[in-house]
PDB file of all heavy atoms in Angstrom:
ATOM      1  N   LEU A   1       0.829  -1.199   0.000  1.00  0.00           N
ATOM      2  CA  LEU A   1       0.000   0.000   0.000  1.00  0.00           C
ATOM      3  C   LEU A   1       0.871   1.259   0.000  1.00  0.00           C
ATOM      4  O   LEU A   1       1.656   1.477   0.923  1.00  0.00           O
ATOM      5  CB  LEU A   1      -0.901   0.002   1.238  1.00  0.00           C
ATOM      6  CG  LEU A   1      -1.804   1.224   1.439  1.00  0.00           C
ATOM      7  CD1 LEU A   1      -2.830   1.328   0.326  1.00  0.00           C
ATOM      8  CD2 LEU A   1      -2.479   1.168   2.803  1.00  0.00           C
ATOM      9  N   PRO A   2       0.776   2.113  -1.027  1.00  0.00           N
ATOM     10  CA  PRO A   2       1.585   3.337  -1.055  1.00  0.00           C
ATOM     11  C   PRO A   2       1.209   4.276   0.088  1.00  0.00           C
ATOM     12  O   PRO A   2       0.034   4.596   0.284  1.00  0.00           O
ATOM     13  CB  PRO A   2       1.227   3.963  -2.412  1.00  0.00           C
ATOM     14  CG  PRO A   2       0.720   2.827  -3.251  1.00  0.00           C
ATOM     15  CD  PRO A   2       0.008   1.936  -2.282  1.00  0.00           C
ATOM     16  N   ILE A   3       2.216   4.699   0.848  1.00  0.00           N
ATOM     17  CA  ILE A   3       2.015   5.652   1.942  1.00  0.00           C
ATOM     18  C   ILE A   3       2.896   6.866   1.669  1.00  0.00           C
ATOM     19  O   ILE A   3       4.122   6.744   1.572  1.00  0.00           O
ATOM     20  CB  ILE A   3       2.372   5.040   3.312  1.00  0.00           C
ATOM     21  CG1 ILE A   3       1.555   3.757   3.563  1.00  0.00           C
ATOM     22  CG2 ILE A   3       2.125   6.051   4.421  1.00  0.00           C
ATOM     23  CD1 ILE A   3       1.922   3.042   4.847  1.00  0.00           C
ATOM     24  N   ILE A   4       2.264   8.028   1.532  1.00  0.00           N
ATOM     25  CA  ILE A   4       2.979   9.255   1.198  1.00  0.00           C
ATOM     26  C   ILE A   4       3.010  10.159   2.428  1.00  0.00           C
ATOM     27  O   ILE A   4       1.964  10.513   2.980  1.00  0.00           O
ATOM     28  CB  ILE A   4       2.293  10.010   0.039  1.00  0.00           C
ATOM     29  CG1 ILE A   4       1.944   9.054  -1.109  1.00  0.00           C
ATOM     30  CG2 ILE A   4       3.176  11.158  -0.448  1.00  0.00           C
ATOM     31  CD1 ILE A   4       3.126   8.327  -1.697  1.00  0.00           C
ATOM     32  N   ALA A   5       4.191  10.527   2.857  1.00  0.00           N
ATOM     33  CA  ALA A   5       4.341  11.387   4.031  1.00  0.00           C
ATOM     34  C   ALA A   5       3.965  12.827   3.700  1.00  0.00           C
ATOM     35  O   ALA A   5       4.276  13.335   2.614  1.00  0.00           O
ATOM     36  CB  ALA A   5       5.781  11.330   4.536  1.00  0.00           C
ATOM     37  N   LEU A   6       3.272  13.472   4.625  1.00  0.00           N
ATOM     38  CA  LEU A   6       2.975  14.898   4.522  1.00  0.00           C
ATOM     39  C   LEU A   6       3.865  15.612   5.532  1.00  0.00           C
ATOM     40  O   LEU A   6       3.741  15.393   6.734  1.00  0.00           O
ATOM     41  CB  LEU A   6       1.498  15.162   4.849  1.00  0.00           C
ATOM     42  CG  LEU A   6       0.459  14.423   3.996  1.00  0.00           C
ATOM     43  CD1 LEU A   6      -0.940  14.697   4.523  1.00  0.00           C
ATOM     44  CD2 LEU A   6       0.564  14.837   2.542  1.00  0.00           C
ATOM     45  N   THR A   7       4.767  16.460   5.055  1.00  0.00           N
ATOM     46  CA  THR A   7       5.714  17.088   5.971  1.00  0.00           C
ATOM     47  C   THR A   7       5.965  18.542   5.618  1.00  0.00           C
ATOM     48  O   THR A   7       6.030  18.903   4.443  1.00  0.00           O
ATOM     49  CB  THR A   7       7.055  16.329   5.985  1.00  0.00           C
ATOM     50  OG1 THR A   7       8.003  17.044   6.777  1.00  0.00           O
ATOM     51  CG2 THR A   7       7.615  16.163   4.583  1.00  0.00           C
ATOM     52  N   ALA A   8       6.079  19.367   6.646  1.00  0.00           N
ATOM     53  CA  ALA A   8       6.423  20.770   6.451  1.00  0.00           C
ATOM     54  C   ALA A   8       7.929  20.982   6.598  1.00  0.00           C
ATOM     55  O   ALA A   8       8.419  22.091   6.473  1.00  0.00           O
ATOM     56  CB  ALA A   8       5.683  21.639   7.469  1.00  0.00           C
ATOM     57  N   SER A   9       8.654  19.902   6.851  1.00  0.00           N
ATOM     58  CA  SER A   9      10.100  19.993   7.074  1.00  0.00           C
ATOM     59  C   SER A   9      10.870  19.626   5.811  1.00  0.00           C
ATOM     60  O   SER A   9      10.524  18.678   5.116  1.00  0.00           O
ATOM     61  CB  SER A   9      10.523  19.056   8.213  1.00  0.00           C
ATOM     62  OG  SER A   9      11.933  19.039   8.343  1.00  0.00           O
ATOM     63  N   ALA A  10      11.921  20.402   5.547  1.00  0.00           N
ATOM     64  CA  ALA A  10      12.786  20.101   4.408  1.00  0.00           C
ATOM     65  C   ALA A  10      14.040  19.349   4.861  1.00  0.00           C
ATOM     66  O   ALA A  10      14.935  19.084   4.060  1.00  0.00           O
ATOM     67  CB  ALA A  10      13.193  21.399   3.702  1.00  0.00           C
ATOM     68  N   MET A  11      14.108  19.001   6.136  1.00  0.00           N
ATOM     69  CA  MET A  11      15.285  18.336   6.682  1.00  0.00           C
ATOM     70  C   MET A  11      15.393  16.913   6.152  1.00  0.00           C
ATOM     71  O   MET A  11      14.410  16.160   6.132  1.00  0.00           O
ATOM     72  CB  MET A  11      15.214  18.318   8.206  1.00  0.00           C
ATOM     73  CG  MET A  11      15.080  19.693   8.833  1.00  0.00           C
ATOM     74  SD  MET A  11      16.551  20.724   8.630  1.00  0.00           S
ATOM     75  CE  MET A  11      17.660  19.949   9.797  1.00  0.00           C
ATOM     76  N   LEU A  12      16.583  16.532   5.736  1.00  0.00           N
ATOM     77  CA  LEU A  12      16.783  15.197   5.175  1.00  0.00           C
ATOM     78  C   LEU A  12      16.539  14.100   6.200  1.00  0.00           C
ATOM     79  O   LEU A  12      16.061  13.018   5.846  1.00  0.00           O
ATOM     80  CB  LEU A  12      18.205  15.075   4.609  1.00  0.00           C
ATOM     81  CG  LEU A  12      18.472  15.797   3.280  1.00  0.00           C
ATOM     82  CD1 LEU A  12      19.942  15.675   2.903  1.00  0.00           C
ATOM     83  CD2 LEU A  12      17.600  15.235   2.173  1.00  0.00           C
ATOM     84  N   ASP A  13      16.860  14.361   7.472  1.00  0.00           N
ATOM     85  CA  ASP A  13      16.670  13.319   8.474  1.00  0.00           C
ATOM     86  C   ASP A  13      15.192  12.982   8.652  1.00  0.00           C
ATOM     87  O   ASP A  13      14.837  11.839   8.952  1.00  0.00           O
ATOM     88  CB  ASP A  13      17.296  13.723   9.818  1.00  0.00           C
ATOM     89  CG  ASP A  13      16.700  15.004  10.381  1.00  0.00           C
ATOM     90  OD1 ASP A  13      16.182  15.809   9.585  1.00  0.00           O
ATOM     91  OD2 ASP A  13      16.760  15.197  11.598  1.00  0.00           O
ATOM     92  N   VAL A  14      14.317  13.970   8.444  1.00  0.00           N
ATOM     93  CA  VAL A  14      12.875  13.715   8.511  1.00  0.00           C
ATOM     94  C   VAL A  14      12.451  12.816   7.362  1.00  0.00           C
ATOM     95  O   VAL A  14      11.676  11.873   7.536  1.00  0.00           O
ATOM     96  CB  VAL A  14      12.083  15.039   8.478  1.00  0.00           C
ATOM     97  CG1 VAL A  14      10.575  14.775   8.357  1.00  0.00           C
ATOM     98  CG2 VAL A  14      12.380  15.860   9.725  1.00  0.00           C
ATOM     99  N   GLN A  15      12.964  13.098   6.168  1.00  0.00           N
ATOM    100  CA  GLN A  15      12.638  12.289   5.003  1.00  0.00           C
ATOM    101  C   GLN A  15      13.154  10.860   5.172  1.00  0.00           C
ATOM    102  O   GLN A  15      12.439   9.896   4.872  1.00  0.00           O
ATOM    103  CB  GLN A  15      13.223  12.927   3.749  1.00  0.00           C
ATOM    104  CG  GLN A  15      12.659  14.306   3.453  1.00  0.00           C
ATOM    105  CD  GLN A  15      13.389  15.017   2.326  1.00  0.00           C
ATOM    106  OE1 GLN A  15      14.056  14.383   1.518  1.00  0.00           O
ATOM    107  NE2 GLN A  15      13.264  16.334   2.271  1.00  0.00           N
ATOM    108  N   TYR A  16      14.378  10.714   5.657  1.00  0.00           N
ATOM    109  CA  TYR A  16      14.957   9.381   5.863  1.00  0.00           C
ATOM    110  C   TYR A  16      14.156   8.604   6.906  1.00  0.00           C
ATOM    111  O   TYR A  16      13.923   7.400   6.751  1.00  0.00           O
ATOM    112  CB  TYR A  16      16.414   9.492   6.313  1.00  0.00           C
ATOM    113  CG  TYR A  16      17.352  10.030   5.250  1.00  0.00           C
ATOM    114  CD1 TYR A  16      18.482  10.771   5.596  1.00  0.00           C
ATOM    115  CD2 TYR A  16      17.111   9.794   3.902  1.00  0.00           C
ATOM    116  CE1 TYR A  16      19.337  11.268   4.622  1.00  0.00           C
ATOM    117  CE2 TYR A  16      17.956  10.299   2.919  1.00  0.00           C
ATOM    118  CZ  TYR A  16      19.069  11.028   3.290  1.00  0.00           C
ATOM    119  OH  TYR A  16      19.914  11.516   2.335  1.00  0.00           O
ATOM    120  N   LYS A  17      13.725   9.293   7.960  1.00  0.00           N
ATOM    121  CA  LYS A  17      12.951   8.634   9.006  1.00  0.00           C
ATOM    122  C   LYS A  17      11.611   8.155   8.449  1.00  0.00           C
ATOM    123  O   LYS A  17      11.120   7.080   8.812  1.00  0.00           O
ATOM    124  CB  LYS A  17      12.728   9.593  10.176  1.00  0.00           C
ATOM    125  CG  LYS A  17      12.051   8.945  11.381  1.00  0.00           C
ATOM    126  CD  LYS A  17      11.928   9.931  12.544  1.00  0.00           C
ATOM    127  CE  LYS A  17      11.201   9.290  13.727  1.00  0.00           C
ATOM    128  NZ  LYS A  17      11.056  10.248  14.861  1.00  0.00           N
ATOM    129  N   ALA A  18      11.022   8.955   7.553  1.00  0.00           N
ATOM    130  CA  ALA A  18       9.757   8.567   6.923  1.00  0.00           C
ATOM    131  C   ALA A  18       9.946   7.306   6.092  1.00  0.00           C
ATOM    132  O   ALA A  18       9.129   6.374   6.144  1.00  0.00           O
ATOM    133  CB  ALA A  18       9.226   9.707   6.059  1.00  0.00           C
ATOM    134  N   PHE A  19      11.022   7.252   5.326  1.00  0.00           N
ATOM    135  CA  PHE A  19      11.302   6.062   4.510  1.00  0.00           C
ATOM    136  C   PHE A  19      11.576   4.844   5.397  1.00  0.00           C
ATOM    137  O   PHE A  19      11.131   3.734   5.099  1.00  0.00           O
ATOM    138  CB  PHE A  19      12.483   6.313   3.577  1.00  0.00           C
ATOM    139  CG  PHE A  19      12.207   7.348   2.513  1.00  0.00           C
ATOM    140  CD1 PHE A  19      13.188   8.247   2.127  1.00  0.00           C
ATOM    141  CD2 PHE A  19      10.954   7.425   1.910  1.00  0.00           C
ATOM    142  CE1 PHE A  19      12.930   9.202   1.150  1.00  0.00           C
ATOM    143  CE2 PHE A  19      10.690   8.382   0.931  1.00  0.00           C
ATOM    144  CZ  PHE A  19      11.686   9.283   0.550  1.00  0.00           C
ATOM    145  N   ASP A  20      12.310   5.054   6.474  1.00  0.00           N
ATOM    146  CA  ASP A  20      12.632   3.945   7.383  1.00  0.00           C
ATOM    147  C   ASP A  20      11.381   3.369   8.044  1.00  0.00           C
ATOM    148  O   ASP A  20      11.346   2.185   8.397  1.00  0.00           O
ATOM    149  CB  ASP A  20      13.610   4.418   8.477  1.00  0.00           C
ATOM    150  CG  ASP A  20      15.016   4.655   7.942  1.00  0.00           C
ATOM    151  OD1 ASP A  20      15.321   4.139   6.846  1.00  0.00           O
ATOM    152  OD2 ASP A  20      15.798   5.354   8.600  1.00  0.00           O
ATOM    153  N   SER A  21      10.362   4.194   8.212  1.00  0.00           N
ATOM    154  CA  SER A  21       9.126   3.725   8.841  1.00  0.00           C
ATOM    155  C   SER A  21       8.215   2.989   7.859  1.00  0.00           C
ATOM    156  O   SER A  21       7.180   2.460   8.261  1.00  0.00           O
ATOM    157  CB  SER A  21       8.367   4.895   9.470  1.00  0.00           C
ATOM    158  OG  SER A  21       7.865   5.768   8.467  1.00  0.00           O
ATOM    159  N   GLY A  22       8.621   2.974   6.580  1.00  0.00           N
ATOM    160  CA  GLY A  22       7.849   2.228   5.594  1.00  0.00           C
ATOM    161  C   GLY A  22       7.120   3.075   4.575  1.00  0.00           C
ATOM    162  O   GLY A  22       6.377   2.548   3.742  1.00  0.00           O
ATOM    163  N   MET A  23       7.321   4.382   4.602  1.00  0.00           N
ATOM    164  CA  MET A  23       6.643   5.242   3.634  1.00  0.00           C
ATOM    165  C   MET A  23       7.362   5.208   2.285  1.00  0.00           C
ATOM    166  O   MET A  23       8.576   5.008   2.210  1.00  0.00           O
ATOM    167  CB  MET A  23       6.551   6.673   4.165  1.00  0.00           C
ATOM    168  CG  MET A  23       5.769   6.775   5.463  1.00  0.00           C
ATOM    169  SD  MET A  23       5.428   8.471   5.965  1.00  0.00           S
ATOM    170  CE  MET A  23       4.947   8.225   7.687  1.00  0.00           C
ATOM    171  N   ASN A  24       6.598   5.429   1.213  1.00  0.00           N
ATOM    172  CA  ASN A  24       7.141   5.334  -0.137  1.00  0.00           C
ATOM    173  C   ASN A  24       7.666   6.654  -0.678  1.00  0.00           C
ATOM    174  O   ASN A  24       8.569   6.680  -1.516  1.00  0.00           O
ATOM    175  CB  ASN A  24       6.064   4.829  -1.104  1.00  0.00           C
ATOM    176  CG  ASN A  24       5.490   3.491  -0.696  1.00  0.00           C
ATOM    177  OD1 ASN A  24       4.558   3.433   0.090  1.00  0.00           O
ATOM    178  ND2 ASN A  24       6.049   2.418  -1.219  1.00  0.00           N
ATOM    179  N   ASP A  25       7.081   7.748  -0.233  1.00  0.00           N
ATOM    180  CA  ASP A  25       7.397   9.050  -0.822  1.00  0.00           C
ATOM    181  C   ASP A  25       6.945  10.126   0.155  1.00  0.00           C
ATOM    182  O   ASP A  25       6.403   9.830   1.216  1.00  0.00           O
ATOM    183  CB  ASP A  25       6.686   9.191  -2.168  1.00  0.00           C
ATOM    184  CG  ASP A  25       7.386  10.158  -3.119  1.00  0.00           C
ATOM    185  OD1 ASP A  25       8.159  11.006  -2.640  1.00  0.00           O
ATOM    186  OD2 ASP A  25       7.151  10.068  -4.336  1.00  0.00           O
ATOM    187  N   TYR A  26       7.157  11.380  -0.200  1.00  0.00           N
ATOM    188  CA  TYR A  26       6.711  12.473   0.653  1.00  0.00           C
ATOM    189  C   TYR A  26       6.256  13.644  -0.212  1.00  0.00           C
ATOM    190  O   TYR A  26       6.634  13.763  -1.375  1.00  0.00           O
ATOM    191  CB  TYR A  26       7.814  12.923   1.609  1.00  0.00           C
ATOM    192  CG  TYR A  26       8.971  13.603   0.930  1.00  0.00           C
ATOM    193  CD1 TYR A  26       9.007  14.994   0.782  1.00  0.00           C
ATOM    194  CD2 TYR A  26      10.035  12.867   0.420  1.00  0.00           C
ATOM    195  CE1 TYR A  26      10.065  15.611   0.138  1.00  0.00           C
ATOM    196  CE2 TYR A  26      11.096  13.482  -0.220  1.00  0.00           C
ATOM    197  CZ  TYR A  26      11.110  14.847  -0.356  1.00  0.00           C
ATOM    198  OH  TYR A  26      12.147  15.473  -0.996  1.00  0.00           O
ATOM    199  N   ILE A  27       5.423  14.481   0.367  1.00  0.00           N
ATOM    200  CA  ILE A  27       4.991  15.711  -0.289  1.00  0.00           C
ATOM    201  C   ILE A  27       5.079  16.829   0.734  1.00  0.00           C
ATOM    202  O   ILE A  27       4.746  16.644   1.909  1.00  0.00           O
ATOM    203  CB  ILE A  27       3.553  15.557  -0.855  1.00  0.00           C
ATOM    204  CG1 ILE A  27       3.154  16.796  -1.659  1.00  0.00           C
ATOM    205  CG2 ILE A  27       2.542  15.291   0.246  1.00  0.00           C
ATOM    206  CD1 ILE A  27       1.863  16.600  -2.430  1.00  0.00           C
TER     207      ILE A  27
END
C-alpha cells in the first residue's frame, strides 16, 4: 500500500525517518 508522508520539514533526516518507517514518498 503506497504511503505518502505529509511534511512541512525540508530536513533530510525527517525524510529518511519517513522512509525507514515504511513510507514510499513524501509531499
